[in-house]
PDB file of N, CA and C in Angstrom:
ATOM      1  N   MET A   1     116.368  70.366  98.577  1.00  0.00           N
ATOM      2  CA  MET A   1     115.297  71.316  98.593  1.00  0.00           C
ATOM      3  C   MET A   1     115.369  72.416  97.126  1.00  0.00           C
ATOM      4  N   GLN A   2     114.448  72.750  96.675  1.00  0.00           N
ATOM      5  CA  GLN A   2     114.362  72.928  95.384  1.00  0.00           C
ATOM      6  C   GLN A   2     114.137  74.826  95.469  1.00  0.00           C
ATOM      7  N   GLU A   3     115.021  75.239  94.726  1.00  0.00           N
ATOM      8  CA  GLU A   3     115.482  76.648  94.545  1.00  0.00           C
ATOM      9  C   GLU A   3     114.512  77.413  93.715  1.00  0.00           C
ATOM     10  N   TYR A   4     113.946  78.491  94.072  1.00  0.00           N
ATOM     11  CA  TYR A   4     113.201  79.035  93.489  1.00  0.00           C
ATOM     12  C   TYR A   4     113.921  80.395  92.542  1.00  0.00           C
ATOM     13  N   PRO A   5     113.710  80.465  91.231  1.00  0.00           N
ATOM     14  CA  PRO A   5     114.256  81.959  90.848  1.00  0.00           C
ATOM     15  C   PRO A   5     113.556  83.027  91.144  1.00  0.00           C
ATOM     16  N   ARG A   6     114.503  84.160  91.465  1.00  0.00           N
ATOM     17  CA  ARG A   6     114.177  85.290  92.258  1.00  0.00           C
ATOM     18  C   ARG A   6     113.040  86.029  91.266  1.00  0.00           C
ATOM     19  N   ARG A   7     112.507  87.123  91.995  1.00  0.00           N
ATOM     20  CA  ARG A   7     111.570  87.540  91.157  1.00  0.00           C
ATOM     21  C   ARG A   7     112.344  88.831  90.438  1.00  0.00           C
ATOM     22  N   ASP A   8     111.817  89.348  89.111  1.00  0.00           N
ATOM     23  CA  ASP A   8     112.230  90.501  88.433  1.00  0.00           C
ATOM     24  C   ASP A   8     111.429  91.563  89.263  1.00  0.00           C
ATOM     25  N   THR A   9     111.984  92.714  89.268  1.00  0.00           N
ATOM     26  CA  THR A   9     111.695  93.928  89.489  1.00  0.00           C
ATOM     27  C   THR A   9     111.096  94.454  88.814  1.00  0.00           C
ATOM     28  N   SER A  10     110.050  95.617  88.809  1.00  0.00           N
ATOM     29  CA  SER A  10     109.065  96.427  87.764  1.00  0.00           C
ATOM     30  C   SER A  10     109.945  97.115  86.954  1.00  0.00           C
ATOM     31  N   ARG A  11     110.932  97.563  87.290  1.00  0.00           N
ATOM     32  CA  ARG A  11     112.264  97.968  86.477  1.00  0.00           C
ATOM     33  C   ARG A  11     112.794  96.730  85.448  1.00  0.00           C
ATOM     34  N   GLU A  12     113.412  95.968  86.084  1.00  0.00           N
ATOM     35  CA  GLU A  12     113.847  94.819  85.031  1.00  0.00           C
ATOM     36  C   GLU A  12     112.989  94.289  84.311  1.00  0.00           C
ATOM     37  N   ILE A  13     111.660  94.342  84.699  1.00  0.00           N
ATOM     38  CA  ILE A  13     110.492  93.682  83.520  1.00  0.00           C
ATOM     39  C   ILE A  13     110.460  94.635  82.620  1.00  0.00           C
ATOM     40  N   VAL A  14     110.307  95.854  82.404  1.00  0.00           N
ATOM     41  CA  VAL A  14     110.262  96.768  81.451  1.00  0.00           C
ATOM     42  C   VAL A  14     111.540  96.829  80.677  1.00  0.00           C
ATOM     43  N   ALA A  15     112.629  96.917  81.440  1.00  0.00           N
ATOM     44  CA  ALA A  15     113.874  96.894  80.417  1.00  0.00           C
ATOM     45  C   ALA A  15     113.853  95.611  79.445  1.00  0.00           C
ATOM     46  N   LYS A  16     113.246  94.287  80.187  1.00  0.00           N
ATOM     47  CA  LYS A  16     113.566  92.856  79.262  1.00  0.00           C
ATOM     48  C   LYS A  16     112.017  92.911  78.021  1.00  0.00           C
ATOM     49  N   LEU A  17     110.995  94.165  78.684  1.00  0.00           N
ATOM     50  CA  LEU A  17     110.079  93.781  77.528  1.00  0.00           C
ATOM     51  C   LEU A  17     110.778  94.844  76.211  1.00  0.00           C
ATOM     52  N   ARG A  18     111.322  95.829  76.778  1.00  0.00           N
ATOM     53  CA  ARG A  18     111.929  96.403  75.785  1.00  0.00           C
ATOM     54  C   ARG A  18     112.995  95.830  74.837  1.00  0.00           C
ATOM     55  N   GLN A  19     113.919  95.026  75.645  1.00  0.00           N
ATOM     56  CA  GLN A  19     114.729  93.949  74.789  1.00  0.00           C
ATOM     57  C   GLN A  19     114.138  93.191  73.787  1.00  0.00           C
ATOM     58  N   VAL A  20     112.860  92.607  74.168  1.00  0.00           N
ATOM     59  CA  VAL A  20     112.119  91.748  73.379  1.00  0.00           C
ATOM     60  C   VAL A  20     111.667  92.577  72.143  1.00  0.00           C
ATOM     61  N   ASP A  21     111.258  93.641  72.392  1.00  0.00           N
ATOM     62  CA  ASP A  21     110.835  94.844  71.245  1.00  0.00           C
ATOM     63  C   ASP A  21     112.093  94.813  70.240  1.00  0.00           C
ATOM     64  N   VAL A  22     112.757  95.323  70.569  1.00  0.00           N
ATOM     65  CA  VAL A  22     114.344  95.691  70.111  1.00  0.00           C
ATOM     66  C   VAL A  22     114.651  94.473  69.012  1.00  0.00           C
ATOM     67  N   LEU A  23     114.689  93.407  69.736  1.00  0.00           N
ATOM     68  CA  LEU A  23     115.324  91.972  68.988  1.00  0.00           C
ATOM     69  C   LEU A  23     114.172  91.826  67.700  1.00  0.00           C
ATOM     70  N   VAL A  24     112.990  91.992  68.104  1.00  0.00           N
ATOM     71  CA  VAL A  24     111.734  91.487  67.460  1.00  0.00           C
ATOM     72  C   VAL A  24     112.104  92.691  66.163  1.00  0.00           C
ATOM     73  N   SER A  25     112.096  93.868  66.402  1.00  0.00           N
ATOM     74  CA  SER A  25     112.219  94.943  65.439  1.00  0.00           C
ATOM     75  C   SER A  25     113.164  94.498  64.257  1.00  0.00           C
ATOM     76  N   HIS A  26     114.825  93.738  65.048  1.00  0.00           N
ATOM     77  CA  HIS A  26     115.617  93.633  63.940  1.00  0.00           C
ATOM     78  C   HIS A  26     115.597  92.113  63.431  1.00  0.00           C
ATOM     79  N   GLY A  27     114.361  91.516  63.412  1.00  0.00           N
ATOM     80  CA  GLY A  27     114.006  89.926  62.647  1.00  0.00           C
ATOM     81  C   GLY A  27     114.085  89.199  63.364  1.00  0.00           C
ATOM     82  N   ARG A  28     114.209  89.280  64.989  1.00  0.00           N
ATOM     83  CA  ARG A  28     114.285  87.894  65.475  1.00  0.00           C
ATOM     84  C   ARG A  28     112.338  87.398  65.609  1.00  0.00           C
ATOM     85  N   SER A  29     112.314  86.588  65.887  1.00  0.00           N
ATOM     86  CA  SER A  29     111.012  85.935  66.094  1.00  0.00           C
ATOM     87  C   SER A  29     110.629  86.083  67.542  1.00  0.00           C
ATOM     88  N   VAL A  30     109.274  86.309  68.038  1.00  0.00           N
ATOM     89  CA  VAL A  30     109.153  86.761  69.593  1.00  0.00           C
ATOM     90  C   VAL A  30     109.644  85.532  70.056  1.00  0.00           C
ATOM     91  N   ALA A  31     109.581  84.202  69.691  1.00  0.00           N
ATOM     92  CA  ALA A  31     110.130  83.181  70.753  1.00  0.00           C
ATOM     93  C   ALA A  31     111.151  83.135  71.005  1.00  0.00           C
ATOM     94  N   GLU A  32     112.030  83.520  70.051  1.00  0.00           N
ATOM     95  CA  GLU A  32     113.671  83.628  69.958  1.00  0.00           C
ATOM     96  C   GLU A  32     113.793  84.340  70.925  1.00  0.00           C
ATOM     97  N   ALA A  33     113.176  85.827  70.931  1.00  0.00           N
ATOM     98  CA  ALA A  33     113.631  87.240  71.514  1.00  0.00           C
ATOM     99  C   ALA A  33     112.898  86.698  72.964  1.00  0.00           C
ATOM    100  N   VAL A  34     111.767  86.150  73.221  1.00  0.00           N
ATOM    101  CA  VAL A  34     111.507  85.987  74.502  1.00  0.00           C
ATOM    102  C   VAL A  34     112.700  84.523  75.367  1.00  0.00           C
ATOM    103  N   ARG A  35     113.104  83.943  74.602  1.00  0.00           N
ATOM    104  CA  ARG A  35     113.898  82.822  75.248  1.00  0.00           C
ATOM    105  C   ARG A  35     115.323  83.359  75.427  1.00  0.00           C
ATOM    106  N   SER A  36     115.621  84.637  74.852  1.00  0.00           N
ATOM    107  CA  SER A  36     117.090  85.292  74.806  1.00  0.00           C
ATOM    108  C   SER A  36     116.873  86.075  76.318  1.00  0.00           C
ATOM    109  N   ILE A  37     115.764  86.560  76.851  1.00  0.00           N
ATOM    110  CA  ILE A  37     115.502  87.037  77.818  1.00  0.00           C
ATOM    111  C   ILE A  37     115.285  86.322  79.262  1.00  0.00           C
ATOM    112  N   GLY A  38     115.468  84.876  79.052  1.00  0.00           N
ATOM    113  CA  GLY A  38     115.135  83.978  80.043  1.00  0.00           C
ATOM    114  C   GLY A  38     113.814  83.868  80.962  1.00  0.00           C
ATOM    115  N   VAL A  39     112.902  83.868  80.091  1.00  0.00           N
ATOM    116  CA  VAL A  39     111.360  83.810  80.458  1.00  0.00           C
ATOM    117  C   VAL A  39     110.577  83.272  79.429  1.00  0.00           C
ATOM    118  N   THR A  40     109.610  82.423  79.949  1.00  0.00           N
ATOM    119  CA  THR A  40     108.605  81.478  78.844  1.00  0.00           C
ATOM    120  C   THR A  40     107.938  83.043  78.408  1.00  0.00           C
ATOM    121  N   GLN A  41     107.102  82.210  77.078  1.00  0.00           N
ATOM    122  CA  GLN A  41     106.129  82.919  76.565  1.00  0.00           C
ATOM    123  C   GLN A  41     105.037  83.088  77.719  1.00  0.00           C
ATOM    124  N   PHE A  42     104.448  82.611  78.254  1.00  0.00           N
ATOM    125  CA  PHE A  42     103.474  82.659  79.377  1.00  0.00           C
ATOM    126  C   PHE A  42     103.930  83.784  79.902  1.00  0.00           C
ATOM    127  N   THR A  43     104.840  83.892  80.694  1.00  0.00           N
ATOM    128  CA  THR A  43     105.293  85.300  81.674  1.00  0.00           C
ATOM    129  C   THR A  43     105.604  86.339  80.793  1.00  0.00           C
ATOM    130  N   TYR A  44     106.169  85.874  79.527  1.00  0.00           N
ATOM    131  CA  TYR A  44     106.496  87.441  78.797  1.00  0.00           C
ATOM    132  C   TYR A  44     105.034  88.144  78.367  1.00  0.00           C
ATOM    133  N   TYR A  45     104.059  87.110  77.797  1.00  0.00           N
ATOM    134  CA  TYR A  45     102.460  87.835  77.668  1.00  0.00           C
ATOM    135  C   TYR A  45     101.795  88.654  78.910  1.00  0.00           C
ATOM    136  N   ARG A  46     102.369  87.667  80.168  1.00  0.00           N
ATOM    137  CA  ARG A  46     101.335  88.489  81.296  1.00  0.00           C
ATOM    138  C   ARG A  46     102.107  89.183  81.602  1.00  0.00           C
ATOM    139  N   TRP A  47     103.321  89.616  81.633  1.00  0.00           N
ATOM    140  CA  TRP A  47     104.140  90.629  81.590  1.00  0.00           C
ATOM    141  C   TRP A  47     103.402  91.940  80.837  1.00  0.00           C
ATOM    142  N   ARG A  48     103.536  91.786  79.411  1.00  0.00           N
ATOM    143  CA  ARG A  48     103.255  92.666  78.530  1.00  0.00           C
ATOM    144  C   ARG A  48     101.983  92.821  78.916  1.00  0.00           C
ATOM    145  N   LYS A  49     101.076  92.277  79.316  1.00  0.00           N
ATOM    146  CA  LYS A  49      99.603  92.438  79.495  1.00  0.00           C
ATOM    147  C   LYS A  49      99.522  93.786  80.740  1.00  0.00           C
ATOM    148  N   GLU A  50     100.346  93.470  81.547  1.00  0.00           N
ATOM    149  CA  GLU A  50     100.505  94.568  83.150  1.00  0.00           C
ATOM    150  C   GLU A  50     101.290  95.211  82.859  1.00  0.00           C
ATOM    151  N   TYR A  51     102.345  95.266  82.337  1.00  0.00           N
ATOM    152  CA  TYR A  51     103.533  96.452  81.925  1.00  0.00           C
ATOM    153  C   TYR A  51     103.662  97.160  80.494  1.00  0.00           C
ATOM    154  N   GLY A  52     103.166  96.441  79.646  1.00  0.00           N
ATOM    155  CA  GLY A  52     103.349  96.868  78.080  1.00  0.00           C
ATOM    156  C   GLY A  52     102.977  98.232  78.033  1.00  0.00           C
ATOM    157  N   GLY A  53     103.876  99.085  77.617  1.00  0.00           N
ATOM    158  CA  GLY A  53     103.677 100.588  77.216  1.00  0.00           C
ATOM    159  C   GLY A  53     104.093 101.258  78.201  1.00  0.00           C
ATOM    160  N   LEU A  54     104.318 100.884  79.468  1.00  0.00           N
ATOM    161  CA  LEU A  54     104.548 101.725  80.926  1.00  0.00           C
ATOM    162  C   LEU A  54     106.075 102.201  80.727  1.00  0.00           C
ATOM    163  N   LYS A  55     106.415 103.756  81.276  1.00  0.00           N
ATOM    164  CA  LYS A  55     107.748 103.863  81.289  1.00  0.00           C
ATOM    165  C   LYS A  55     108.029 103.159  82.724  1.00  0.00           C
ATOM    166  N   THR A  56     109.191 103.107  83.280  1.00  0.00           N
ATOM    167  CA  THR A  56     109.687 102.572  84.483  1.00  0.00           C
ATOM    168  C   THR A  56     109.145 103.657  85.644  1.00  0.00           C
ATOM    169  N   ASP A  57     109.305 105.171  85.260  1.00  0.00           N
ATOM    170  CA  ASP A  57     108.756 105.913  86.585  1.00  0.00           C
ATOM    171  C   ASP A  57     107.037 105.726  86.591  1.00  0.00           C
ATOM    172  N   GLN A  58     106.748 105.202  85.671  1.00  0.00           N
ATOM    173  CA  GLN A  58     105.070 104.662  85.173  1.00  0.00           C
ATOM    174  C   GLN A  58     104.804 103.451  86.277  1.00  0.00           C
ATOM    175  N   VAL A  59     105.724 102.637  86.029  1.00  0.00           N
ATOM    176  CA  VAL A  59     105.522 101.409  86.745  1.00  0.00           C
ATOM    177  C   VAL A  59     105.930 101.452  88.059  1.00  0.00           C
ATOM    178  N   LYS A  60     106.752 102.321  88.774  1.00  0.00           N
ATOM    179  CA  LYS A  60     107.025 102.496  90.085  1.00  0.00           C
ATOM    180  C   LYS A  60     105.945 103.231  90.793  1.00  0.00           C
ATOM    181  N   ARG A  61     105.255 104.292  90.038  1.00  0.00           N
ATOM    182  CA  ARG A  61     103.777 104.897  90.657  1.00  0.00           C
ATOM    183  C   ARG A  61     102.989 103.586  90.711  1.00  0.00           C
ATOM    184  N   LEU A  62     102.335 102.918  89.602  1.00  0.00           N
ATOM    185  CA  LEU A  62     101.692 101.398  89.620  1.00  0.00           C
ATOM    186  C   LEU A  62     101.733 101.102  90.757  1.00  0.00           C
ATOM    187  N   LYS A  63     102.760 100.478  91.317  1.00  0.00           N
ATOM    188  CA  LYS A  63     103.564  99.520  92.224  1.00  0.00           C
ATOM    189  C   LYS A  63     103.054 100.199  93.422  1.00  0.00           C
ATOM    190  N   GLU A  64     103.496 101.655  93.497  1.00  0.00           N
ATOM    191  CA  GLU A  64     103.033 102.306  94.737  1.00  0.00           C
ATOM    192  C   GLU A  64     101.535 102.385  95.030  1.00  0.00           C
ATOM    193  N   LEU A  65     100.713 102.493  93.967  1.00  0.00           N
ATOM    194  CA  LEU A  65      99.263 102.780  93.748  1.00  0.00           C
ATOM    195  C   LEU A  65      98.771 101.760  94.626  1.00  0.00           C
ATOM    196  N   GLU A  66      99.284 100.441  93.888  1.00  0.00           N
ATOM    197  CA  GLU A  66      98.743  98.969  94.220  1.00  0.00           C
ATOM    198  C   GLU A  66      98.743  98.689  95.933  1.00  0.00           C
ATOM    199  N   LYS A  67     100.047  99.230  96.495  1.00  0.00           N
ATOM    200  CA  LYS A  67     100.476  98.966  97.600  1.00  0.00           C
ATOM    201  C   LYS A  67      99.619  99.849  98.831  1.00  0.00           C
ATOM    202  N   GLU A  68      99.404 100.942  98.300  1.00  0.00           N
ATOM    203  CA  GLU A  68      98.566 101.763  98.807  1.00  0.00           C
ATOM    204  C   GLU A  68      96.790 101.588  99.083  1.00  0.00           C
ATOM    205  N   ASN A  69      96.491 100.811  97.695  1.00  0.00           N
ATOM    206  CA  ASN A  69      95.479 100.332  97.724  1.00  0.00           C
ATOM    207  C   ASN A  69      95.057  99.173  98.564  1.00  0.00           C
ATOM    208  N   GLU A  70      96.143  98.321  98.733  1.00  0.00           N
ATOM    209  CA  GLU A  70      96.313  96.977  99.435  1.00  0.00           C
ATOM    210  C   GLU A  70      95.942  97.427 101.004  1.00  0.00           C
ATOM    211  N   ARG A  71      96.392  98.434 101.093  1.00  0.00           N
ATOM    212  CA  ARG A  71      96.611  99.308 102.679  1.00  0.00           C
ATOM    213  C   ARG A  71      95.484  99.595 103.083  1.00  0.00           C
ATOM    214  N   LEU A  72      94.721 100.281 102.135  1.00  0.00           N
ATOM    215  CA  LEU A  72      93.650 100.934 102.072  1.00  0.00           C
ATOM    216  C   LEU A  72      92.452  99.737 102.724  1.00  0.00           C
ATOM    217  N   ARG A  73      92.396  98.505 101.555  1.00  0.00           N
ATOM    218  CA  ARG A  73      91.406  97.605 101.690  1.00  0.00           C
ATOM    219  C   ARG A  73      91.222  97.021 103.241  1.00  0.00           C
ATOM    220  N   LYS A  74      92.748  96.930 103.633  1.00  0.00           N
ATOM    221  CA  LYS A  74      92.951  96.048 105.004  1.00  0.00           C
ATOM    222  C   LYS A  74      92.254  97.234 106.060  1.00  0.00           C
ATOM    223  N   ALA A  75      92.281  98.219 105.644  1.00  0.00           N
ATOM    224  CA  ALA A  75      92.022  99.161 106.679  1.00  0.00           C
ATOM    225  C   ALA A  75      90.198  98.997 106.856  1.00  0.00           C
ATOM    226  N   VAL A  76      89.986  98.990 105.430  1.00  0.00           N
ATOM    227  CA  VAL A  76      88.451  99.238 105.619  1.00  0.00           C
ATOM    228  C   VAL A  76      87.927  97.858 105.802  1.00  0.00           C
ATOM    229  N   SER A  77      88.710  96.628 105.875  1.00  0.00           N
ATOM    230  CA  SER A  77      88.354  95.368 106.268  1.00  0.00           C
ATOM    231  C   SER A  77      88.360  95.259 108.290  1.00  0.00           C
ATOM    232  N   ASP A  78      89.227  95.866 108.445  1.00  0.00           N
ATOM    233  CA  ASP A  78      89.733  95.731 109.775  1.00  0.00           C
ATOM    234  C   ASP A  78      88.413  96.787 110.615  1.00  0.00           C
ATOM    235  N   LEU A  79      88.074  98.066 110.165  1.00  0.00           N
ATOM    236  CA  LEU A  79      87.041  98.648 110.660  1.00  0.00           C
ATOM    237  C   LEU A  79      85.640  98.255 110.421  1.00  0.00           C
ATOM    238  N   THR A  80      85.393  97.451 109.596  1.00  0.00           N
ATOM    239  CA  THR A  80      84.014  96.408 108.996  1.00  0.00           C
ATOM    240  C   THR A  80      84.078  95.520 110.136  1.00  0.00           C
ATOM    241  N   LEU A  81      85.048  94.983 110.467  1.00  0.00           N
ATOM    242  CA  LEU A  81      85.095  93.863 111.487  1.00  0.00           C
ATOM    243  C   LEU A  81      84.940  94.440 112.658  1.00  0.00           C
ATOM    244  N   GLU A  82      85.313  95.539 113.389  1.00  0.00           N
ATOM    245  CA  GLU A  82      85.233  96.133 114.547  1.00  0.00           C
ATOM    246  C   GLU A  82      83.377  96.649 114.515  1.00  0.00           C
ATOM    247  N   LYS A  83      83.180  97.421 113.606  1.00  0.00           N
ATOM    248  CA  LYS A  83      81.948  97.567 113.537  1.00  0.00           C
ATOM    249  C   LYS A  83      80.975  96.384 113.840  1.00  0.00           C
ATOM    250  N   LEU A  84      80.964  95.700 113.363  1.00  0.00           N
ATOM    251  CA  LEU A  84      80.167  94.200 113.153  1.00  0.00           C
ATOM    252  C   LEU A  84      80.440  93.848 114.951  1.00  0.00           C
ATOM    253  N   ILE A  85      81.686  93.828 115.569  1.00  0.00           N
ATOM    254  CA  ILE A  85      81.920  93.209 116.798  1.00  0.00           C
ATOM    255  C   ILE A  85      80.920  93.993 117.657  1.00  0.00           C
ATOM    256  N   LEU A  86      81.097  95.746 117.405  1.00  0.00           N
ATOM    257  CA  LEU A  86      80.333  96.524 118.439  1.00  0.00           C
ATOM    258  C   LEU A  86      79.082  96.510 118.173  1.00  0.00           C
ATOM    259  N   ARG A  87      78.318  96.314 116.778  1.00  0.00           N
ATOM    260  CA  ARG A  87      76.876  96.353 116.936  1.00  0.00           C
ATOM    261  C   ARG A  87      76.533  94.989 117.734  1.00  0.00           C
ATOM    262  N   GLU A  88      77.186  93.787 117.265  1.00  0.00           N
ATOM    263  CA  GLU A  88      76.881  92.559 118.042  1.00  0.00           C
ATOM    264  C   GLU A  88      77.007  92.880 119.488  1.00  0.00           C
ATOM    265  N   ALA A  89      78.054  93.483 120.064  1.00  0.00           N
ATOM    266  CA  ALA A  89      78.125  94.040 121.683  1.00  0.00           C
ATOM    267  C   ALA A  89      77.098  94.906 122.296  1.00  0.00           C
ATOM    268  N   ALA A  90      76.596  95.704 121.444  1.00  0.00           N
ATOM    269  CA  ALA A  90      75.448  96.836 121.778  1.00  0.00           C
ATOM    270  C   ALA A  90      74.048  95.995 122.055  1.00  0.00           C
ATOM    271  N   SER A  91      73.949  94.838 120.985  1.00  0.00           N
ATOM    272  CA  SER A  91      72.383  94.189 120.886  1.00  0.00           C
ATOM    273  C   SER A  91      72.427  93.524 121.717  1.00  0.00           C
ATOM    274  N   GLY A  92      73.972  93.079 122.929  1.00  0.00           N
ATOM    275  CA  GLY A  92      73.604  92.473 123.995  1.00  0.00           C
ATOM    276  C   GLY A  92      73.737  90.822 123.505  1.00  0.00           C
ATOM    277  N   ASN A  93      74.258  90.302 122.510  1.00  0.00           N
ATOM    278  CA  ASN A  93      74.189  89.168 121.592  1.00  0.00           C
ATOM    279  C   ASN A  93      75.599  88.462 122.208  1.00  0.00           C
ATOM    280  N   PHE A  94      76.304  88.084 123.463  1.00  0.00           N
ATOM    281  CA  PHE A  94      77.487  87.905 123.614  1.00  0.00           C
ATOM    282  C   PHE A  94      77.714  86.248 123.416  1.00  0.00           C
TER     283      PHE A  94
END
């Protein structure tokens, strides 16, 4: 059975991005710095796109908002489905 690597938390990702910035500012190449944090360059650039420039507390708030957004989307979806069912029932099309 293949074991998958654990997912980094938002806080860990921000710390790793900062670590790469420090290493690059000390003369290491981006490729070397990214290797030193144990991720691929693809992952690094994806993280940088999503978390770049954010502070830890901002990342926490972003994740809270994303979770709330998902909850609200589900609620709207459920209500839309209920509305369609009620409309169909009211028109007598069972």
